[in-house]
């Protein structure tokens, strides 16, 4: 097996938010990873690493989550994960 660094996504629970753009967000303190899914698209989950707890709290506490996302989160590096499959 080659020494390729594959991204191991932390399991982050998503909480729905009131926004026209952002559907749900979650945060993992252990890895400082912000998870975001959007109202449009196929339901992919975007993981933003190296986001502090303070940055996360400012995001979810913003008057406009969509505006805050565009200004402060969107420019950050991210990993795009496929939509979750519902295993019943």
Protein backbone atom coordinates (compact mmCIF):
# COMPACT_ATOMS: atom_id res chain seq x y z
CA UNK A 1 0.00 0.00 0.00
CA UNK A 2 1.36 3.42 -0.96
CA UNK A 3 1.90 6.14 1.61
CA UNK A 4 -0.86 8.36 0.31
CA UNK A 5 -2.39 10.67 2.83
CA UNK A 6 -6.08 10.00 2.61
CA UNK A 7 -8.48 12.27 4.43
CA UNK A 8 -10.22 10.52 7.31
CA UNK A 9 -13.38 12.48 7.95
CA UNK A 10 -14.45 12.89 11.56
CA UNK A 11 -18.07 11.94 12.20
CA UNK A 12 -19.75 15.28 12.81
CA UNK A 13 -23.43 15.57 13.68
CA UNK A 14 -25.17 18.28 11.66
CA UNK A 15 -27.74 20.66 13.14
CA UNK A 16 -30.19 22.45 10.82
CA UNK A 17 -29.88 26.25 10.75
CA UNK A 18 -32.16 29.04 9.54
CA UNK A 19 -30.55 30.22 6.33
CA UNK A 20 -31.45 30.39 2.65
CA UNK A 21 -27.99 29.14 1.71
CA UNK A 22 -26.75 26.90 4.53
CA UNK A 23 -28.83 23.85 5.45
CA UNK A 24 -26.97 22.49 8.46
CA UNK A 25 -23.70 22.86 10.36
CA UNK A 26 -21.67 20.88 12.84
CA UNK A 27 -18.35 21.14 14.63
CA UNK A 28 -15.78 18.70 15.98
CA UNK A 29 -13.67 20.13 18.82
CA UNK A 30 -11.12 17.31 18.69
CA UNK A 31 -10.12 18.03 15.08
CA UNK A 32 -11.29 21.66 14.93
CA UNK A 33 -13.33 20.79 11.86
CA UNK A 34 -16.41 22.71 10.74
CA UNK A 35 -18.95 20.74 8.70
CA UNK A 36 -21.41 22.50 6.41
CA UNK A 37 -24.09 21.32 4.03
CA UNK A 38 -26.05 23.59 1.74
CA UNK A 39 -29.70 24.01 0.73
CA UNK A 40 -28.80 23.60 -2.95
CA UNK A 41 -27.00 20.71 -4.55
CA UNK A 42 -26.90 16.99 -3.94
CA UNK A 43 -26.27 17.20 -0.19
CA UNK A 44 -22.48 17.00 -0.16
CA UNK A 45 -20.86 17.83 3.17
CA UNK A 46 -17.97 20.27 3.25
CA UNK A 47 -15.36 19.95 5.98
CA UNK A 48 -13.32 23.03 6.85
CA UNK A 49 -10.28 22.04 8.97
CA UNK A 50 -8.48 24.32 11.42
CA UNK A 51 -11.57 26.29 12.40
CA UNK A 52 -11.50 27.38 16.03
CA UNK A 53 -14.45 26.98 18.40
CA UNK A 54 -14.70 30.82 18.47
CA UNK A 55 -14.93 30.95 14.66
CA UNK A 56 -17.65 28.28 14.74
CA UNK A 57 -19.65 30.10 17.41
CA UNK A 58 -19.38 33.40 15.50
CA UNK A 59 -20.67 31.58 12.40
CA UNK A 60 -23.72 29.97 14.01
CA UNK A 61 -24.45 33.10 16.03
CA UNK A 62 -24.27 35.46 13.06
CA UNK A 63 -27.28 37.59 12.18
CA UNK A 64 -27.00 36.18 8.65
CA UNK A 65 -25.36 32.77 8.47
CA UNK A 66 -25.14 32.94 4.67
CA UNK A 67 -23.41 36.34 4.69
CA UNK A 68 -21.02 35.23 7.44
CA UNK A 69 -20.24 32.06 5.49
CA UNK A 70 -19.42 34.01 2.32
CA UNK A 71 -17.20 36.46 4.15
CA UNK A 72 -15.31 34.26 6.61
CA UNK A 73 -15.74 30.54 5.84
CA UNK A 74 -15.95 30.24 2.05
CA UNK A 75 -12.33 31.44 1.50
CA UNK A 76 -10.98 28.64 3.73
CA UNK A 77 -9.58 25.34 2.47
CA UNK A 78 -12.09 22.49 2.51
CA UNK A 79 -12.69 18.83 1.75
CA UNK A 80 -15.85 17.93 -0.16
CA UNK A 81 -17.45 14.69 1.03
CA UNK A 82 -20.21 12.80 -0.75
CA UNK A 83 -23.74 13.05 0.63
CA UNK A 84 -24.40 10.57 3.42
CA UNK A 85 -26.22 7.40 2.52
CA UNK A 86 -29.08 6.59 4.82
CA UNK A 87 -28.45 3.15 6.20
CA UNK A 88 -31.75 2.19 7.76
